[in-house]
Structures are given as structure tokens and as C-alpha cells.
Amino acid sequence: MPSDSPRIETARLILRLPKREDFDSYAQMQADPEATRFIGGLLSRPEAWRKFLQMPGAWIMQGFAMFSVIEKSSGQWLGQLGPWYPEGWQGTEVGWAFHPSSWGNGYATEAGMAAMDWAFEQLGWQDVIHSIHPDNQASQALAIRLGSRKRGLGKLPTPWQDAPIELWGQSREEWRARRKAEDAA
């Protein structure tokens, strides 16, 4: 992994590149039917390992990918969140998936704000989308908390081309205006 790896700290969280020790919690998440309901379904441990390797690979090949989200106080892996732009995607995305044990604590919002700042400022992205299943109310609520709005139907590349998806998102200018208003309040 790059020696100058990005690391973001928020009040309660550390966002960093994935590490081997994150895998057990990641595999547990991928084996949970509710956690995987909208992200492709259950995975066996060997399948989860192959999927887990996508993010470190993307960091090496693209210089960005989803961060591992770590709770500062416990060191516990909570999920993954951050910039994501694989081949055939409909735009530059900030996406997420969290272990069920972390749900309902505001971690995704806190990490999402930091990752959106990073994507716009460090990567220079002009626009961010979130690809969300139409029935995934929790992710829709997170997108709204991040200031995104529903843009319409989307289409994922093969092998997910038949999965129903809605695109949510916002421009860099919309994000900056929102952050400026928050700072002024």
C-alpha cells in the first residue's frame, strides 16, 4: 500500500485504507442477510475475501477507494465508505456498507461527510453519486443527510445490470454551499 496513505479522523472515527485485520468483521457483514440485502446478497467467507480485496486493489490502481471506517474508542471495524469508481459505473460515487452492529449510531453520516469533503477537495471530483436500491430506505435517508437528492433511475454494469437502482447525488458546488451554510450556522 502507498506509504503516504490517506487517513481521515473525525470526532469518533478513523477512515483509513483497508487492512488484513478488518477482514473478519467484513466477512461477518457479508454473511448477514439484512446487511447484504441491497449490495448483492450473502457471500461465503472465500467469496467475501475476494470481494474484500477489491478495495485495496482499487487504492493501488486508482489512488482511491472506500475507506475502512474504524471506531476510535474501540478500534472496531464498522464498515466501509468512500470514493468508488469502477469501470462502467455511471459516475464518481461515494458509497457505503456497514456492519449491522454499527447501525443507528450516526457513524455513516459522520464518515460520509468526511469522505465527501475528501472526494471533492483531494480528488477534485465535480460530482458525486450514490447508487441506491429503490427499497433501501436507510441509504436514501443517509443520502439526504449528506445533502444529495434523487436524480432518477440508473443502470449498473454487468453482472448487476438487472438490479434496480436509483441515482442520488450532488455537485461540488452544491456540497460547498451546504458546508458553508453549516459553518455559518
Protein backbone atom coordinates (compact mmCIF):
# COMPACT_ATOMS: atom_id res chain seq x y z
CA MET A 1 0.00 0.00 0.00
CA PRO A 2 1.16 3.58 -0.56
CA SER A 3 3.33 4.88 2.27
CA ASP A 4 1.53 8.23 2.18
CA SER A 5 -1.87 6.58 2.61
CA PRO A 6 -4.76 8.92 3.33
CA ARG A 7 -6.12 8.86 6.85
CA ILE A 8 -9.07 10.96 7.93
CA GLU A 9 -10.06 11.49 11.54
CA THR A 10 -13.43 12.73 12.72
CA ALA A 11 -14.71 13.17 16.27
CA ARG A 12 -15.37 9.43 16.69
CA LEU A 13 -13.89 7.74 13.65
CA ILE A 14 -10.78 6.95 11.67
CA LEU A 15 -11.12 6.44 7.93
CA ARG A 16 -8.11 4.56 6.57
CA LEU A 17 -7.12 2.08 3.92
CA PRO A 18 -8.32 -1.49 4.50
CA LYS A 19 -6.04 -3.81 6.44
CA ARG A 20 -5.96 -7.60 6.80
CA GLU A 21 -7.29 -7.36 10.37
CA ASP A 22 -10.51 -5.78 9.03
CA PHE A 23 -11.47 -8.94 7.19
CA ASP A 24 -13.19 -10.93 9.97
CA SER A 25 -15.71 -8.15 10.59
CA TYR A 26 -16.09 -7.60 6.85
CA ALA A 27 -16.82 -11.32 6.33
CA GLN A 28 -19.39 -11.22 9.15
CA MET A 29 -21.11 -8.30 7.41
CA GLN A 30 -21.11 -10.18 4.10
CA ALA A 31 -22.71 -13.20 5.82
CA ASP A 32 -25.58 -11.15 7.28
CA PRO A 33 -28.78 -11.29 5.16
CA GLU A 34 -30.01 -7.85 6.21
CA ALA A 35 -26.63 -6.16 5.72
CA THR A 36 -26.23 -7.61 2.22
CA ARG A 37 -29.85 -7.32 1.11
CA PHE A 38 -29.13 -4.36 -1.18
CA ILE A 39 -25.46 -4.94 -2.02
CA GLY A 40 -25.53 -8.21 -3.90
CA GLY A 41 -26.59 -10.76 -1.30
CA LEU A 42 -24.85 -13.17 1.02
CA LEU A 43 -21.27 -14.21 0.45
CA SER A 44 -19.35 -17.17 1.81
CA ARG A 45 -16.09 -16.39 3.57
CA PRO A 46 -13.96 -17.23 0.48
CA GLU A 47 -16.25 -15.07 -1.70
CA ALA A 48 -16.08 -12.27 0.87
CA TRP A 49 -12.27 -12.45 0.80
CA ARG A 50 -12.21 -11.96 -2.97
CA LYS A 51 -14.61 -9.01 -2.70
CA PHE A 52 -12.65 -7.55 0.23
CA LEU A 53 -9.55 -7.41 -1.99
CA GLN A 54 -11.33 -5.06 -4.41
CA MET A 55 -10.77 -2.01 -2.23
CA PRO A 56 -7.02 -2.44 -1.60
CA GLY A 57 -6.66 -3.17 -5.32
CA ALA A 58 -8.56 -0.02 -6.25
CA TRP A 59 -6.39 2.02 -3.86
CA ILE A 60 -3.27 0.74 -5.63
CA MET A 61 -4.61 1.06 -9.19
CA GLN A 62 -6.68 4.28 -8.90
CA GLY A 63 -5.29 6.01 -5.82
CA PHE A 64 -8.68 5.96 -4.10
CA ALA A 65 -11.39 3.57 -2.95
CA MET A 66 -13.65 3.07 0.02
CA PHE A 67 -12.02 3.55 3.39
CA SER A 68 -12.31 1.17 6.31
CA VAL A 69 -14.30 3.01 8.97
CA ILE A 70 -12.86 2.41 12.45
CA GLU A 71 -14.32 3.50 15.77
CA LYS A 72 -11.59 5.46 17.57
CA SER A 73 -12.53 4.42 21.10
CA SER A 74 -12.56 0.66 20.47
CA GLY A 75 -10.58 0.15 17.26
CA GLN A 76 -13.57 -1.80 15.92
CA TRP A 77 -14.12 -2.03 12.16
CA LEU A 78 -17.58 -0.57 11.49
CA GLY A 79 -17.85 -0.69 7.73
CA GLN A 80 -16.52 0.76 4.53
CA LEU A 81 -17.34 4.08 2.95
CA GLY A 82 -15.77 6.37 0.42
CA PRO A 83 -14.98 7.09 -3.20
CA TRP A 84 -15.68 4.36 -5.70
CA TYR A 85 -15.47 4.46 -9.49
CA PRO A 86 -15.15 1.05 -11.15
CA GLU A 87 -15.19 0.53 -14.90
CA GLY A 88 -18.67 1.08 -16.37
CA TRP A 89 -20.04 2.99 -13.36
CA GLN A 90 -22.44 5.88 -14.01
CA GLY A 91 -20.36 8.42 -12.16
CA THR A 92 -17.95 9.12 -9.34
CA GLU A 93 -19.57 7.59 -6.30
CA VAL A 94 -19.26 7.83 -2.55
CA GLY A 95 -20.70 4.51 -1.43
CA TRP A 96 -21.05 2.62 1.83
CA ALA A 97 -21.73 -0.65 3.61
CA PHE A 98 -21.77 -1.02 7.38
CA HIS A 99 -21.75 -3.93 9.80
CA PRO A 100 -25.19 -4.23 11.46
CA SER A 101 -23.66 -3.76 14.93
CA SER A 102 -22.82 -0.17 13.94
CA TRP A 103 -26.24 0.82 12.61
CA GLY A 104 -28.18 3.62 14.24
CA ASN A 105 -25.22 5.48 15.77
CA GLY A 106 -24.65 8.19 13.16
CA TYR A 107 -21.34 6.68 12.05
CA ALA A 108 -22.30 6.60 8.36
CA THR A 109 -23.26 10.27 8.37
CA GLU A 110 -20.06 11.27 10.17
CA ALA A 111 -17.88 9.20 7.84
CA GLY A 112 -19.90 10.27 4.80
CA MET A 113 -19.32 13.97 5.48
CA ALA A 114 -15.59 13.40 5.79
CA ALA A 115 -15.41 11.25 2.65
CA MET A 116 -17.45 13.72 0.60
CA ASP A 117 -15.10 16.53 1.69
CA TRP A 118 -12.13 14.36 0.73
CA ALA A 119 -13.54 13.34 -2.67
CA PHE A 120 -14.32 16.92 -3.67
CA GLU A 121 -11.17 18.52 -2.23
CA GLN A 122 -8.46 15.88 -2.61
CA LEU A 123 -9.67 14.07 -5.73
CA GLY A 124 -11.09 17.19 -7.36
CA TRP A 125 -14.36 15.48 -8.24
CA GLN A 126 -17.02 17.76 -9.69
CA ASP A 127 -19.94 15.48 -8.89
CA VAL A 128 -20.76 12.60 -6.55
CA ILE A 129 -23.45 9.96 -6.93
CA HIS A 130 -24.79 7.24 -4.67
CA SER A 131 -26.23 4.12 -6.36
CA ILE A 132 -29.11 3.06 -4.13
CA HIS A 133 -31.70 0.28 -4.46
CA PRO A 134 -35.21 1.82 -4.58
CA ASP A 135 -36.24 -0.13 -1.45
CA ASN A 136 -33.17 0.84 0.61
CA GLN A 137 -34.74 3.50 2.80
CA ALA A 138 -31.78 3.64 5.21
CA SER A 139 -29.33 4.52 2.41
CA GLN A 140 -31.80 7.01 0.93
CA ALA A 141 -32.03 8.70 4.35
CA LEU A 142 -28.22 8.82 4.56
CA ALA A 143 -28.01 10.36 1.07
CA ILE A 144 -30.48 13.05 2.17
CA ARG A 145 -28.48 13.72 5.37
CA LEU A 146 -25.43 14.19 3.14
CA GLY A 147 -27.37 16.72 1.05
CA SER A 148 -27.91 14.55 -2.02
CA ARG A 149 -31.16 14.32 -3.93
CA LYS A 150 -32.68 11.63 -6.10
CA ARG A 151 -31.74 12.13 -9.74
CA GLY A 152 -33.61 9.22 -11.30
CA LEU A 153 -33.10 5.66 -12.41
CA GLY A 154 -29.65 4.29 -13.05
CA LYS A 155 -28.09 1.20 -14.58
CA LEU A 156 -25.20 -0.77 -13.16
CA PRO A 157 -22.71 -2.62 -15.36
CA THR A 158 -22.58 -6.40 -15.77
CA PRO A 159 -23.14 -8.56 -13.74
CA TRP A 160 -25.54 -6.24 -11.85
CA GLN A 161 -27.31 -4.87 -14.94
CA ASP A 162 -30.70 -6.24 -13.81
CA ALA A 163 -30.55 -4.79 -10.29
CA PRO A 164 -32.96 -1.88 -9.82
CA ILE A 165 -31.04 1.25 -8.91
CA GLU A 166 -31.69 4.91 -8.33
CA LEU A 167 -29.01 7.54 -8.60
CA TRP A 168 -28.74 10.12 -5.88
CA GLY A 169 -26.14 12.85 -5.84
CA GLN A 170 -24.95 16.42 -5.85
CA SER A 171 -22.39 18.66 -7.47
CA ARG A 172 -19.26 20.02 -5.89
CA GLU A 173 -20.84 23.49 -5.85
CA GLU A 174 -23.94 22.19 -4.04
CA TRP A 175 -21.73 20.45 -1.47
CA ARG A 176 -19.60 23.54 -0.88
CA ALA A 177 -22.68 25.77 -0.49
CA ARG A 178 -24.17 23.36 2.05
CA ARG A 179 -20.93 23.11 4.04
CA LYS A 180 -20.56 26.91 4.02
CA ALA A 181 -24.12 27.29 5.35
CA GLU A 182 -23.42 24.70 8.07
CA ASP A 183 -20.25 26.54 9.11
CA ALA A 184 -22.14 29.85 9.27
CA ALA A 185 -24.90 28.39 11.46
